C-alpha atoms as a PDB file:
ATOM      1  CA  MET A   1      43.900 158.406  -2.355  1.00  0.00           C
ATOM      2  CA  ALA A   2      44.533 156.087   0.569  1.00  0.00           C
ATOM      3  CA  HIS A   3      48.124 155.107   1.227  1.00  0.00           C
ATOM      4  CA  LEU A   4      49.125 151.482   1.660  1.00  0.00           C
ATOM      5  CA  HIS A   5      51.663 150.806   4.381  1.00  0.00           C
ATOM      6  CA  TRP A   6      52.940 147.247   4.073  1.00  0.00           C
ATOM      7  CA  LYS A   7      54.805 146.190   7.200  1.00  0.00           C
ATOM      8  CA  PHE A   8      55.190 142.437   6.977  1.00  0.00           C
ATOM      9  CA  PRO A   9      58.636 140.859   7.288  1.00  0.00           C
ATOM     10  CA  ALA A  10      60.603 140.589   4.052  1.00  0.00           C
ATOM     11  CA  LEU A  11      57.691 141.569   1.839  1.00  0.00           C
ATOM     12  CA  LEU A  12      58.599 142.231  -1.780  1.00  0.00           C
ATOM     13  CA  VAL A  13      55.727 141.744  -4.184  1.00  0.00           C
ATOM     14  CA  SER A  14      54.261 143.344  -7.262  1.00  0.00           C
ATOM     15  CA  CYS A  15      50.704 144.275  -8.039  1.00  0.00           C
ATOM     16  CA  THR A  16      48.703 146.317 -10.480  1.00  0.00           C
ATOM     17  CA  ILE A  17      46.375 149.060  -9.292  1.00  0.00           C
ATOM     18  CA  LEU A  18      43.352 149.740 -11.472  1.00  0.00           C
ATOM     19  CA  LEU A  19      42.283 153.303 -10.748  1.00  0.00           C
ATOM     20  CA  SER A  20      38.626 153.863 -11.534  1.00  0.00           C
ATOM     21  CA  ALA A  21      36.395 156.910 -11.443  1.00  0.00           C
ATOM     22  CA  SER A  22      32.649 156.959 -11.997  1.00  0.00           C
ATOM     23  CA  GLY A  23      31.832 156.758 -15.687  1.00  0.00           C
ATOM     24  CA  ALA A  24      35.467 156.250 -16.706  1.00  0.00           C
ATOM     25  CA  ALA A  25      37.342 153.166 -17.761  1.00  0.00           C
ATOM     26  CA  ALA A  26      39.836 151.792 -15.282  1.00  0.00           C
ATOM     27  CA  GLN A  27      43.446 152.763 -15.873  1.00  0.00           C
ATOM     28  CA  GLU A  28      46.193 150.293 -15.029  1.00  0.00           C
ATOM     29  CA  ARG A  29      49.108 151.546 -12.984  1.00  0.00           C
ATOM     30  CA  PRO A  30      51.708 148.932 -12.035  1.00  0.00           C
ATOM     31  CA  TRP A  31      53.025 149.346  -8.502  1.00  0.00           C
ATOM     32  CA  ARG A  32      55.989 147.555  -7.013  1.00  0.00           C
ATOM     33  CA  LEU A  33      55.806 147.183  -3.262  1.00  0.00           C
ATOM     34  CA  VAL A  34      59.112 147.161  -1.431  1.00  0.00           C
ATOM     35  CA  GLN A  35      59.946 146.428   2.167  1.00  0.00           C
ATOM     36  CA  GLU A  36      59.581 149.552   4.257  1.00  0.00           C
ATOM     37  CA  GLN A  37      59.604 148.025   7.710  1.00  0.00           C
ATOM     38  CA  ARG A  38      60.232 144.740   9.490  1.00  0.00           C
ATOM     39  CA  ILE A  39      58.291 143.656  12.527  1.00  0.00           C
ATOM     40  CA  GLY A  40      58.541 140.494  14.560  1.00  0.00           C
ATOM     41  CA  SER A  41      61.475 138.344  15.584  1.00  0.00           C
ATOM     42  CA  LEU A  42      61.973 134.602  15.837  1.00  0.00           C
ATOM     43  CA  ASP A  43      64.320 135.221  18.769  1.00  0.00           C
ATOM     44  CA  ASP A  44      61.748 136.957  20.993  1.00  0.00           C
ATOM     45  CA  GLU A  45      58.504 135.165  21.853  1.00  0.00           C
ATOM     46  CA  ARG A  46      56.828 138.504  22.594  1.00  0.00           C
ATOM     47  CA  THR A  47      57.225 139.618  18.984  1.00  0.00           C
ATOM     48  CA  SER A  48      57.311 136.340  17.049  1.00  0.00           C
ATOM     49  CA  LEU A  49      54.394 136.451  14.607  1.00  0.00           C
ATOM     50  CA  THR A  50      52.179 133.535  13.656  1.00  0.00           C
ATOM     51  CA  ARG A  51      49.172 133.775  11.322  1.00  0.00           C
ATOM     52  CA  VAL A  52      48.271 137.420  10.571  1.00  0.00           C
ATOM     53  CA  PRO A  53      44.673 137.738   9.276  1.00  0.00           C
ATOM     54  CA  ILE A  54      44.429 141.511   9.662  1.00  0.00           C
ATOM     55  CA  VAL A  55      46.503 144.582  10.533  1.00  0.00           C
ATOM     56  CA  ALA A  56      45.070 147.937  11.633  1.00  0.00           C
ATOM     57  CA  VAL A  57      47.224 151.017  10.995  1.00  0.00           C
ATOM     58  CA  ALA A  58      46.791 154.157  13.126  1.00  0.00           C
ATOM     59  CA  PRO A  59      47.364 157.661  11.695  1.00  0.00           C
ATOM     60  CA  ASP A  60      50.768 157.759  13.431  1.00  0.00           C
ATOM     61  CA  LEU A  61      51.598 154.400  11.730  1.00  0.00           C
ATOM     62  CA  THR A  62      51.287 152.384  14.928  1.00  0.00           C
ATOM     63  CA  LEU A  63      50.504 148.807  13.881  1.00  0.00           C
ATOM     64  CA  TYR A  64      47.910 146.597  15.585  1.00  0.00           C
ATOM     65  CA  VAL A  65      48.537 143.017  14.456  1.00  0.00           C
ATOM     66  CA  ALA A  66      45.860 140.387  15.103  1.00  0.00           C
ATOM     67  CA  GLN A  67      47.278 137.093  16.405  1.00  0.00           C
ATOM     68  CA  PRO A  68      44.343 134.668  16.758  1.00  0.00           C
ATOM     69  CA  MET A  69      46.586 131.679  17.492  1.00  0.00           C
ATOM     70  CA  GLU A  70      47.770 133.486  20.648  1.00  0.00           C
ATOM     71  CA  SER A  71      44.417 135.200  21.376  1.00  0.00           C
ATOM     72  CA  LEU A  72      46.002 138.637  21.450  1.00  0.00           C
ATOM     73  CA  ILE A  73      46.883 141.739  19.441  1.00  0.00           C
ATOM     74  CA  ARG A  74      50.537 142.744  19.158  1.00  0.00           C
ATOM     75  CA  VAL A  75      51.310 146.456  18.875  1.00  0.00           C
ATOM     76  CA  PHE A  76      54.356 147.932  17.097  1.00  0.00           C
ATOM     77  CA  ASP A  77      55.300 151.593  16.729  1.00  0.00           C
ATOM     78  CA  SER A  78      56.138 153.336  13.445  1.00  0.00           C
ATOM     79  CA  SER A  79      59.769 152.223  13.675  1.00  0.00           C
ATOM     80  CA  GLY A  80      58.778 148.554  14.013  1.00  0.00           C
ATOM     81  CA  ARG A  81      59.577 148.371  17.738  1.00  0.00           C
ATOM     82  CA  TYR A  82      57.354 146.112  19.824  1.00  0.00           C
ATOM     83  CA  VAL A  83      55.269 148.175  22.253  1.00  0.00           C
ATOM     84  CA  ARG A  84      52.760 145.883  23.973  1.00  0.00           C
ATOM     85  CA  SER A  85      50.237 143.099  23.594  1.00  0.00           C
ATOM     86  CA  ILE A  86      46.492 143.535  24.056  1.00  0.00           C
ATOM     87  CA  GLY A  87      44.295 140.704  25.303  1.00  0.00           C
ATOM     88  CA  ARG A  88      44.891 137.059  26.156  1.00  0.00           C
ATOM     89  CA  GLY A  89      43.062 133.750  25.980  1.00  0.00           C
ATOM     90  CA  GLY A  90      39.831 133.517  27.973  1.00  0.00           C
ATOM     91  CA  GLU A  91      36.285 134.784  28.218  1.00  0.00           C
ATOM     92  CA  GLY A  92      36.764 137.641  30.670  1.00  0.00           C
ATOM     93  CA  PRO A  93      36.821 141.366  29.865  1.00  0.00           C
ATOM     94  CA  GLY A  94      39.398 142.078  27.160  1.00  0.00           C
ATOM     95  CA  GLU A  95      40.086 138.376  26.528  1.00  0.00           C
ATOM     96  CA  PHE A  96      39.554 136.343  23.352  1.00  0.00           C
ATOM     97  CA  ARG A  97      38.573 132.822  22.413  1.00  0.00           C
ATOM     98  CA  LEU A  98      38.738 133.338  18.643  1.00  0.00           C
ATOM     99  CA  LEU A  99      40.013 136.749  17.582  1.00  0.00           C
ATOM    100  CA  GLY A 100      38.620 137.726  14.193  1.00  0.00           C
ATOM    101  CA  ARG A 101      37.893 141.131  12.709  1.00  0.00           C
ATOM    102  CA  MET A 102      39.532 144.274  14.025  1.00  0.00           C
ATOM    103  CA  GLY A 103      39.651 147.984  13.251  1.00  0.00           C
ATOM    104  CA  LEU A 104      40.312 151.510  14.474  1.00  0.00           C
ATOM    105  CA  ARG A 105      37.627 154.135  14.953  1.00  0.00           C
ATOM    106  CA  GLY A 106      39.302 157.365  15.979  1.00  0.00           C
ATOM    107  CA  ASP A 107      41.497 156.512  18.951  1.00  0.00           C
ATOM    108  CA  THR A 108      39.468 153.401  19.822  1.00  0.00           C
ATOM    109  CA  LEU A 109      40.469 149.888  18.784  1.00  0.00           C
ATOM    110  CA  TRP A 110      37.649 147.375  18.329  1.00  0.00           C
ATOM    111  CA  ALA A 111      38.044 143.630  17.970  1.00  0.00           C
ATOM    112  CA  VAL A 112      35.595 140.796  17.327  1.00  0.00           C
ATOM    113  CA  ASP A 113      35.591 137.425  19.071  1.00  0.00           C
ATOM    114  CA  LEU A 114      33.956 135.042  16.587  1.00  0.00           C
ATOM    115  CA  ARG A 115      33.431 132.255  19.123  1.00  0.00           C
ATOM    116  CA  LEU A 116      31.926 134.411  21.868  1.00  0.00           C
ATOM    117  CA  ASN A 117      29.836 136.562  19.460  1.00  0.00           C
ATOM    118  CA  ARG A 118      31.426 139.538  21.170  1.00  0.00           C
ATOM    119  CA  ILE A 119      32.899 142.843  20.070  1.00  0.00           C
ATOM    120  CA  SER A 120      35.236 144.692  22.455  1.00  0.00           C
ATOM    121  CA  ARG A 121      36.569 148.239  22.606  1.00  0.00           C
ATOM    122  CA  PHE A 122      40.059 149.207  23.760  1.00  0.00           C
ATOM    123  CA  SER A 123      41.987 152.435  24.093  1.00  0.00           C
ATOM    124  CA  ALA A 124      44.946 152.929  21.777  1.00  0.00           C
ATOM    125  CA  GLU A 125      47.116 151.979  24.767  1.00  0.00           C
ATOM    126  CA  GLY A 126      45.245 148.707  25.257  1.00  0.00           C
ATOM    127  CA  ARG A 127      42.939 149.563  28.171  1.00  0.00           C
ATOM    128  CA  HIS A 128      39.672 147.641  27.893  1.00  0.00           C
ATOM    129  CA  TYR A 129      36.667 149.968  27.641  1.00  0.00           C
ATOM    130  CA  SER A 130      33.675 147.682  27.133  1.00  0.00           C
ATOM    131  CA  SER A 131      32.379 144.532  25.442  1.00  0.00           C
ATOM    132  CA  ASP A 132      29.060 143.842  23.716  1.00  0.00           C
ATOM    133  CA  ARG A 133      28.041 140.193  23.468  1.00  0.00           C
ATOM    134  CA  LEU A 134      25.243 139.196  21.106  1.00  0.00           C
ATOM    135  CA  ALA A 135      22.629 136.542  21.792  1.00  0.00           C
ATOM    136  CA  PRO A 136      23.130 133.304  19.815  1.00  0.00           C
ATOM    137  CA  SER A 137      20.226 133.840  17.419  1.00  0.00           C
ATOM    138  CA  PRO A 138      18.582 137.289  17.434  1.00  0.00           C
ATOM    139  CA  LEU A 139      17.827 136.803  13.718  1.00  0.00           C
ATOM    140  CA  GLY A 140      16.174 133.394  13.946  1.00  0.00           C
ATOM    141  CA  GLU A 141      16.513 130.001  15.596  1.00  0.00           C
ATOM    142  CA  GLU A 142      17.755 128.422  12.359  1.00  0.00           C
ATOM    143  CA  PHE A 143      21.075 130.242  12.755  1.00  0.00           C
ATOM    144  CA  GLN A 144      23.896 128.874  14.906  1.00  0.00           C
ATOM    145  CA  SER A 145      25.397 132.138  16.137  1.00  0.00           C
ATOM    146  CA  THR A 146      25.602 135.804  15.207  1.00  0.00           C
ATOM    147  CA  PRO A 147      29.193 137.089  15.177  1.00  0.00           C
ATOM    148  CA  PRO A 148      29.567 140.856  14.731  1.00  0.00           C
ATOM    149  CA  LEU A 149      31.085 142.290  11.558  1.00  0.00           C
ATOM    150  CA  GLY A 150      31.892 145.672  13.128  1.00  0.00           C
ATOM    151  CA  TYR A 151      30.531 148.924  14.537  1.00  0.00           C
ATOM    152  CA  LEU A 152      28.726 151.685  12.676  1.00  0.00           C
ATOM    153  CA  SER A 153      29.574 155.307  13.422  1.00  0.00           C
ATOM    154  CA  ASP A 154      26.501 155.667  15.684  1.00  0.00           C
ATOM    155  CA  GLY A 155      27.727 152.830  17.916  1.00  0.00           C
ATOM    156  CA  SER A 156      25.294 150.207  16.616  1.00  0.00           C
ATOM    157  CA  ILE A 157      26.566 146.791  15.541  1.00  0.00           C
ATOM    158  CA  VAL A 158      26.492 145.121  12.128  1.00  0.00           C
ATOM    159  CA  ALA A 159      26.180 141.337  12.349  1.00  0.00           C
ATOM    160  CA  GLN A 160      25.768 138.391  10.002  1.00  0.00           C
ATOM    161  CA  PRO A 161      24.761 134.990  11.421  1.00  0.00           C
ATOM    162  CA  SER A 162      26.600 131.767  10.763  1.00  0.00           C
ATOM    163  CA  ILE A 163      24.532 128.841   9.545  1.00  0.00           C
ATOM    164  CA  PRO A 164      24.655 125.035   9.679  1.00  0.00           C
ATOM    165  CA  THR A 165      26.613 123.485   6.827  1.00  0.00           C
ATOM    166  CA  ALA A 166      23.554 121.553   5.676  1.00  0.00           C
ATOM    167  CA  MET A 167      21.658 124.817   5.299  1.00  0.00           C
ATOM    168  CA  ALA A 168      24.528 126.373   3.332  1.00  0.00           C
ATOM    169  CA  ALA A 169      24.435 123.412   0.938  1.00  0.00           C
ATOM    170  CA  SER A 170      20.646 123.374   0.553  1.00  0.00           C
ATOM    171  CA  GLY A 171      20.550 125.354  -2.696  1.00  0.00           C
ATOM    172  CA  PRO A 172      22.356 127.658  -5.127  1.00  0.00           C
ATOM    173  CA  ASN A 173      20.915 130.874  -3.706  1.00  0.00           C
ATOM    174  CA  VAL A 174      20.840 130.583   0.092  1.00  0.00           C
ATOM    175  CA  GLN A 175      20.395 134.060   1.585  1.00  0.00           C
ATOM    176  CA  ILE A 176      21.997 135.133   4.876  1.00  0.00           C
ATOM    177  CA  PRO A 177      20.623 138.229   6.638  1.00  0.00           C
ATOM    178  CA  VAL A 178      22.843 141.166   7.553  1.00  0.00           C
ATOM    179  CA  ALA A 179      21.390 143.260  10.364  1.00  0.00           C
ATOM    180  CA  GLN A 180      21.946 146.421  12.368  1.00  0.00           C
ATOM    181  CA  LEU A 181      21.690 145.660  16.094  1.00  0.00           C
ATOM    182  CA  ASP A 182      21.845 147.797  19.203  1.00  0.00           C
ATOM    183  CA  ARG A 183      24.459 147.067  21.844  1.00  0.00           C
ATOM    184  CA  GLN A 184      22.022 144.774  23.663  1.00  0.00           C
ATOM    185  CA  GLY A 185      21.680 142.650  20.518  1.00  0.00           C
ATOM    186  CA  ARG A 186      18.191 143.785  19.540  1.00  0.00           C
ATOM    187  CA  VAL A 187      17.461 144.115  15.825  1.00  0.00           C
ATOM    188  CA  LEU A 188      17.159 147.749  14.740  1.00  0.00           C
ATOM    189  CA  SER A 189      16.984 147.259  10.985  1.00  0.00           C
ATOM    190  CA  ARG A 190      18.160 144.965   8.204  1.00  0.00           C
ATOM    191  CA  PHE A 191      20.601 145.477   5.376  1.00  0.00           C
ATOM    192  CA  PRO A 192      20.184 143.481   2.147  1.00  0.00           C
ATOM    193  CA  SER A 193      20.895 139.785   2.550  1.00  0.00           C
ATOM    194  CA  ALA A 194      24.077 138.146   1.271  1.00  0.00           C
ATOM    195  CA  SER A 195      23.949 135.172  -1.107  1.00  0.00           C
ATOM    196  CA  LEU A 196      26.146 132.108  -0.604  1.00  0.00           C
ATOM    197  CA  ARG A 197      25.756 131.196  -4.319  1.00  0.00           C
ATOM    198  CA  GLY A 198      26.143 127.461  -3.788  1.00  0.00           C
ATOM    199  CA  ASP A 199      29.747 127.599  -2.561  1.00  0.00           C
ATOM    200  CA  THR A 200      29.022 124.591  -0.307  1.00  0.00           C
ATOM    201  CA  ARG A 201      27.814 121.361  -1.942  1.00  0.00           C
ATOM    202  CA  GLU A 202      26.246 118.211  -0.541  1.00  0.00           C
ATOM    203  CA  ALA A 203      27.975 114.932  -1.396  1.00  0.00           C
ATOM    204  CA  ARG A 204      26.255 111.589  -0.842  1.00  0.00           C
ATOM    205  CA  ILE A 205      28.576 109.061   0.770  1.00  0.00           C
ATOM    206  CA  PRO A 206      27.949 105.458   1.903  1.00  0.00           C
ATOM    207  CA  ASN A 207      27.559 106.416   5.563  1.00  0.00           C
ATOM    208  CA  GLY A 208      25.390 109.473   5.007  1.00  0.00           C
ATOM    209  CA  VAL A 209      26.065 112.959   3.680  1.00  0.00           C
ATOM    210  CA  GLY A 210      29.265 114.979   3.411  1.00  0.00           C
ATOM    211  CA  PHE A 211      29.806 118.605   2.514  1.00  0.00           C
ATOM    212  CA  VAL A 212      32.540 120.223   0.462  1.00  0.00           C
ATOM    213  CA  ARG A 213      33.283 123.840  -0.435  1.00  0.00           C
ATOM    214  CA  THR A 214      34.231 124.898  -3.922  1.00  0.00           C
ATOM    215  CA  PRO A 215      37.877 126.020  -4.203  1.00  0.00           C
ATOM    216  CA  VAL A 216      36.680 128.939  -6.385  1.00  0.00           C
ATOM    217  CA  PRO A 217      34.115 130.730  -4.163  1.00  0.00           C
ATOM    218  CA  SER A 218      31.688 133.330  -5.490  1.00  0.00           C
ATOM    219  CA  SER A 219      29.528 134.089  -2.441  1.00  0.00           C
ATOM    220  CA  ASP A 220      28.777 137.734  -1.679  1.00  0.00           C
ATOM    221  CA  LEU A 221      31.408 139.620   0.332  1.00  0.00           C
ATOM    222  CA  VAL A 222      30.351 141.963   3.165  1.00  0.00           C
ATOM    223  CA  ARG A 223      32.711 144.387   4.913  1.00  0.00           C
ATOM    224  CA  VAL A 224      32.252 147.154   7.483  1.00  0.00           C
ATOM    225  CA  ALA A 225      34.517 150.192   7.187  1.00  0.00           C
ATOM    226  CA  PRO A 226      36.960 150.264  10.128  1.00  0.00           C
ATOM    227  CA  ASP A 227      35.700 153.729  11.125  1.00  0.00           C
ATOM    228  CA  GLY A 228      32.063 152.621  10.929  1.00  0.00           C
ATOM    229  CA  SER A 229      31.216 154.975   8.076  1.00  0.00           C
ATOM    230  CA  ALA A 230      29.763 152.361   5.705  1.00  0.00           C
ATOM    231  CA  VAL A 231      28.892 148.754   4.948  1.00  0.00           C
ATOM    232  CA  VAL A 232      30.056 147.432   1.566  1.00  0.00           C
ATOM    233  CA  PHE A 233      28.518 144.498  -0.313  1.00  0.00           C
ATOM    234  CA  VAL A 234      30.224 142.930  -3.326  1.00  0.00           C
ATOM    235  CA  ARG A 235      28.062 140.605  -5.399  1.00  0.00           C
ATOM    236  CA  ARG A 236      30.245 138.444  -7.663  1.00  0.00           C
ATOM    237  CA  PRO A 237      28.247 135.762  -9.487  1.00  0.00           C
ATOM    238  CA  LEU A 238      30.247 133.373 -11.630  1.00  0.00           C
ATOM    239  CA  PRO A 239      30.258 134.306 -15.324  1.00  0.00           C
ATOM    240  CA  THR A 240      28.222 132.005 -17.529  1.00  0.00           C
ATOM    241  CA  ARG A 241      29.299 133.383 -20.914  1.00  0.00           C
ATOM    242  CA  SER A 242      32.669 134.117 -22.451  1.00  0.00           C
ATOM    243  CA  ASP A 243      31.698 137.545 -23.769  1.00  0.00           C
ATOM    244  CA  GLN A 244      30.166 139.328 -20.781  1.00  0.00           C
ATOM    245  CA  ALA A 245      30.237 139.396 -16.992  1.00  0.00           C
ATOM    246  CA  ALA A 246      29.785 141.917 -14.194  1.00  0.00           C
ATOM    247  CA  PHE A 247      30.098 142.311 -10.456  1.00  0.00           C
ATOM    248  CA  THR A 248      28.134 144.772  -8.319  1.00  0.00           C
ATOM    249  CA  VAL A 249      29.238 147.003  -5.441  1.00  0.00           C
ATOM    250  CA  LEU A 250      26.703 148.360  -2.949  1.00  0.00           C
ATOM    251  CA  LYS A 251      27.818 150.893  -0.343  1.00  0.00           C
ATOM    252  CA  MET A 252      25.450 151.905   2.476  1.00  0.00           C
ATOM    253  CA  ARG A 253      25.785 154.129   5.536  1.00  0.00           C
ATOM    254  CA  THR A 254      22.726 152.556   7.177  1.00  0.00           C
ATOM    255  CA  PRO A 255      19.995 150.204   5.929  1.00  0.00           C
ATOM    256  CA  SER A 256      18.018 153.259   4.754  1.00  0.00           C
ATOM    257  CA  ASP A 257      20.915 155.321   3.360  1.00  0.00           C
ATOM    258  CA  THR A 258      22.571 154.074   0.155  1.00  0.00           C
ATOM    259  CA  VAL A 259      25.756 155.805  -1.008  1.00  0.00           C
ATOM    260  CA  PHE A 260      25.890 154.031  -4.369  1.00  0.00           C
ATOM    261  CA  LEU A 261      24.913 150.849  -6.182  1.00  0.00           C
ATOM    262  CA  ARG A 262      26.940 150.208  -9.304  1.00  0.00           C
ATOM    263  CA  SER A 263      27.797 147.336 -11.634  1.00  0.00           C
ATOM    264  CA  TYR A 264      31.197 146.936 -13.274  1.00  0.00           C
ATOM    265  CA  ARG A 265      31.748 144.854 -16.377  1.00  0.00           C
ATOM    266  CA  PHE A 266      34.846 142.757 -16.836  1.00  0.00           C
ATOM    267  CA  PRO A 267      36.090 140.242 -19.417  1.00  0.00           C
ATOM    268  CA  PRO A 268      35.489 136.719 -18.070  1.00  0.00           C
ATOM    269  CA  ARG A 269      38.624 134.704 -17.369  1.00  0.00           C
ATOM    270  CA  PRO A 270      38.447 130.907 -17.676  1.00  0.00           C
ATOM    271  CA  VAL A 271      39.879 128.755 -14.915  1.00  0.00           C
ATOM    272  CA  PRO A 272      43.139 127.624 -16.603  1.00  0.00           C
ATOM    273  CA  PRO A 273      43.543 123.843 -16.960  1.00  0.00           C
ATOM    274  CA  GLN A 274      46.750 123.936 -14.913  1.00  0.00           C
ATOM    275  CA  ALA A 275      44.985 125.853 -12.128  1.00  0.00           C
ATOM    276  CA  ALA A 276      42.099 123.377 -12.137  1.00  0.00           C
ATOM    277  CA  ASP A 277      44.612 120.519 -11.968  1.00  0.00           C
ATOM    278  CA  SER A 278      46.296 122.129  -8.942  1.00  0.00           C
ATOM    279  CA  LEU A 279      42.962 122.647  -7.127  1.00  0.00           C
ATOM    280  CA  ARG A 280      41.578 119.163  -7.768  1.00  0.00           C
ATOM    281  CA  PRO A 281      43.918 117.057  -5.521  1.00  0.00           C
ATOM    282  CA  GLY A 282      42.882 118.861  -2.331  1.00  0.00           C
ATOM    283  CA  VAL A 283      39.207 118.334  -3.101  1.00  0.00           C
ATOM    284  CA  LEU A 284      39.825 114.693  -3.994  1.00  0.00           C
ATOM    285  CA  ARG A 285      41.670 114.012  -0.728  1.00  0.00           C
ATOM    286  CA  PHE A 286      38.726 115.419   1.212  1.00  0.00           C
ATOM    287  CA  LEU A 287      36.078 113.500  -0.745  1.00  0.00           C
ATOM    288  CA  GLU A 288      38.016 110.222  -0.614  1.00  0.00           C
ATOM    289  CA  ARG A 289      37.409 110.092   3.132  1.00  0.00           C
ATOM    290  CA  GLY A 290      33.898 108.897   2.298  1.00  0.00           C
ATOM    291  CA  MET A 291      33.910 107.679  -1.315  1.00  0.00           C
ATOM    292  CA  SER A 292      36.087 106.036  -3.927  1.00  0.00           C
ATOM    293  CA  ARG A 293      38.398 107.964  -6.252  1.00  0.00           C
ATOM    294  CA  ALA A 294      36.050 107.320  -9.197  1.00  0.00           C
ATOM    295  CA  GLU A 295      33.036 108.564  -7.223  1.00  0.00           C
ATOM    296  CA  ALA A 296      34.954 111.658  -6.127  1.00  0.00           C
ATOM    297  CA  GLU A 297      36.013 112.441  -9.698  1.00  0.00           C
ATOM    298  CA  ARG A 298      32.422 112.015 -10.866  1.00  0.00           C
ATOM    299  CA  PHE A 299      31.126 114.322  -8.119  1.00  0.00           C
ATOM    300  CA  ILE A 300      33.606 117.078  -9.012  1.00  0.00           C
ATOM    301  CA  ARG A 301      32.622 116.828 -12.665  1.00  0.00           C
ATOM    302  CA  ASP A 302      28.848 116.591 -12.234  1.00  0.00           C
ATOM    303  CA  SER A 303      28.566 119.306  -9.549  1.00  0.00           C
ATOM    304  CA  ASP A 304      30.708 121.889 -11.393  1.00  0.00           C
ATOM    305  CA  LEU A 305      32.708 122.207  -8.183  1.00  0.00           C
ATOM    306  CA  ILE A 306      35.528 123.745 -10.218  1.00  0.00           C
ATOM    307  CA  PRO A 307      33.719 126.232 -12.490  1.00  0.00           C
ATOM    308  CA  GLN A 308      34.511 127.156 -16.064  1.00  0.00           C
ATOM    309  CA  TYR A 309      35.057 130.859 -15.301  1.00  0.00           C
ATOM    310  CA  GLN A 310      36.535 132.762 -12.385  1.00  0.00           C
ATOM    311  CA  PRO A 311      34.600 135.367 -10.375  1.00  0.00           C
ATOM    312  CA  GLY A 312      35.535 138.973 -11.069  1.00  0.00           C
ATOM    313  CA  ILE A 313      36.540 139.743  -7.470  1.00  0.00           C
ATOM    314  CA  SER A 314      38.541 137.654  -5.000  1.00  0.00           C
ATOM    315  CA  ASN A 315      38.718 140.028  -2.018  1.00  0.00           C
ATOM    316  CA  VAL A 316      37.573 143.430  -0.787  1.00  0.00           C
ATOM    317  CA  VAL A 317      39.157 145.876   1.663  1.00  0.00           C
ATOM    318  CA  VAL A 318      37.444 149.062   2.804  1.00  0.00           C
ATOM    319  CA  GLY A 319      40.171 151.668   3.216  1.00  0.00           C
ATOM    320  CA  ASP A 320      40.693 155.211   4.397  1.00  0.00           C
ATOM    321  CA  GLU A 321      38.553 158.148   3.296  1.00  0.00           C
ATOM    322  CA  GLY A 322      35.780 155.902   2.007  1.00  0.00           C
ATOM    323  CA  THR A 323      37.899 154.107  -0.593  1.00  0.00           C
ATOM    324  CA  ILE A 324      37.196 150.513  -1.585  1.00  0.00           C
ATOM    325  CA  TRP A 325      39.929 148.155  -2.786  1.00  0.00           C
ATOM    326  CA  LEU A 326      38.700 145.204  -4.851  1.00  0.00           C
ATOM    327  CA  GLY A 327      41.166 142.349  -5.283  1.00  0.00           C
ATOM    328  CA  ARG A 328      41.163 140.751  -8.731  1.00  0.00           C
ATOM    329  CA  GLU A 329      43.392 137.740  -8.240  1.00  0.00           C
ATOM    330  CA  VAL A 330      43.552 135.619 -11.392  1.00  0.00           C
ATOM    331  CA  LEU A 331      44.262 131.906 -11.053  1.00  0.00           C
ATOM    332  CA  GLY A 332      47.527 131.032 -12.742  1.00  0.00           C
ATOM    333  CA  GLU A 333      48.996 134.549 -12.460  1.00  0.00           C
ATOM    334  CA  ARG A 334      51.405 135.809  -9.797  1.00  0.00           C
ATOM    335  CA  ALA A 335      50.429 139.473  -9.900  1.00  0.00           C
ATOM    336  CA  VAL A 336      47.317 140.591  -8.014  1.00  0.00           C
ATOM    337  CA  ARG A 337      45.282 143.392  -9.549  1.00  0.00           C
ATOM    338  CA  TRP A 338      43.402 145.815  -7.313  1.00  0.00           C
ATOM    339  CA  LEU A 339      40.563 148.002  -8.512  1.00  0.00           C
ATOM    340  CA  ASN A 340      40.532 151.176  -6.416  1.00  0.00           C
ATOM    341  CA  LEU A 341      37.147 152.918  -6.090  1.00  0.00           C
ATOM    342  CA  ASN A 342      36.826 156.392  -4.634  1.00  0.00           C
ATOM    343  CA  ALA A 343      34.185 157.241  -2.027  1.00  0.00           C
ATOM    344  CA  ARG A 344      31.474 157.554  -4.693  1.00  0.00           C
ATOM    345  CA  GLY A 345      32.358 154.378  -6.544  1.00  0.00           C
END
C-alpha cells in the first residue's frame, strides 16, 4: 500500500479510507492524520508558501512544492528545511508562466506550464534538462490550446486540449480528445475521449450570452501517473435514481493497452438542502452581473445547475505502485472518504 506523507503546516484532519480489492466490498478504516512536519515560514520570503496545488514526494521524502503564484517550485528536505527553488517567471528554459501539473519519474522532476503548452524536465537538484512545447492545436483548429497532462514511461506526452467556453456549453455530452503525442507534438495515437457532461451552461442575458459552471461538477477526470506508468480515467455521471448509481475507472498503459475497466456501485447521496443553500449565493452573484435576481433564480431552477444527487467521486490521485485514490467528498460532511484501489483495480 502507498504511504501518505502529509507535510502541510499545522495539518490535523480526519478521513476515512475505503480499502477495496477486486470482487470484494470496500472496508472502511478510519484514519486520523496528524502533523508530521512543518514547512514554510511567514518570516522568510524564500519559504513562505502561497497556494499549493500539488506536492511531489521523492523516495527520500524530499518535497517539491508547486508555487504557481511565484512561478517556481520550492524544495524542502525530509526534515522540513528549505533547500532551493526551481524556476522563475518567464518563457525561457526552466521558466514558467503558469505552473500546473508536476511529478517525479525516477530522479527526474517534470512540470507543466499550462499557458505555454510546455512540459519541462529538471534534475532532482533543479538543473534544467529540456522542454517540449506543443503546437496550439495539433488535435484540431476548434481547440484553443493543448496543455500536456504528463509524460508516459516511453517519453511520449499525454495531452488534452482546452476548448472555448461556448463549445463547452454547447451540449450535455461534449467530448474532449485525449491524445498521445511525440515530443515534437505530433499525434501518435488517441486515448478515449473525456466527457464534460454539461458542467458549463449557457445563460441568455440582455446583452448577449453568459456562461456559468455548475458548483457540483461531474465531468470525467483524467490523470497521468507521476512515473508515466498509466493514464487513469474516472467517469462519474450524476445519479438519476435514488436506488442505484455507479462510477467507472479505466486504467491504460497506452491507447492500445488497457490494464482494467471496472464499474463501482455506490448509494446515491442527495445534495443536502443546506449545502444547496450555501452553493446558491455564489452562483447568484455571478449571474446577477447580467440578469435580475428573479431571472437568475429561474435559470438555476430550470437548468438543474444544482443537481438532485452528488457524483460518486470528487477527486482522483494516482499514487505509488500503481494505486489509485478516489476522493468521495460528501457535501455537508467534514470527513473526506477515499477509496483506495490496488494496481489491478
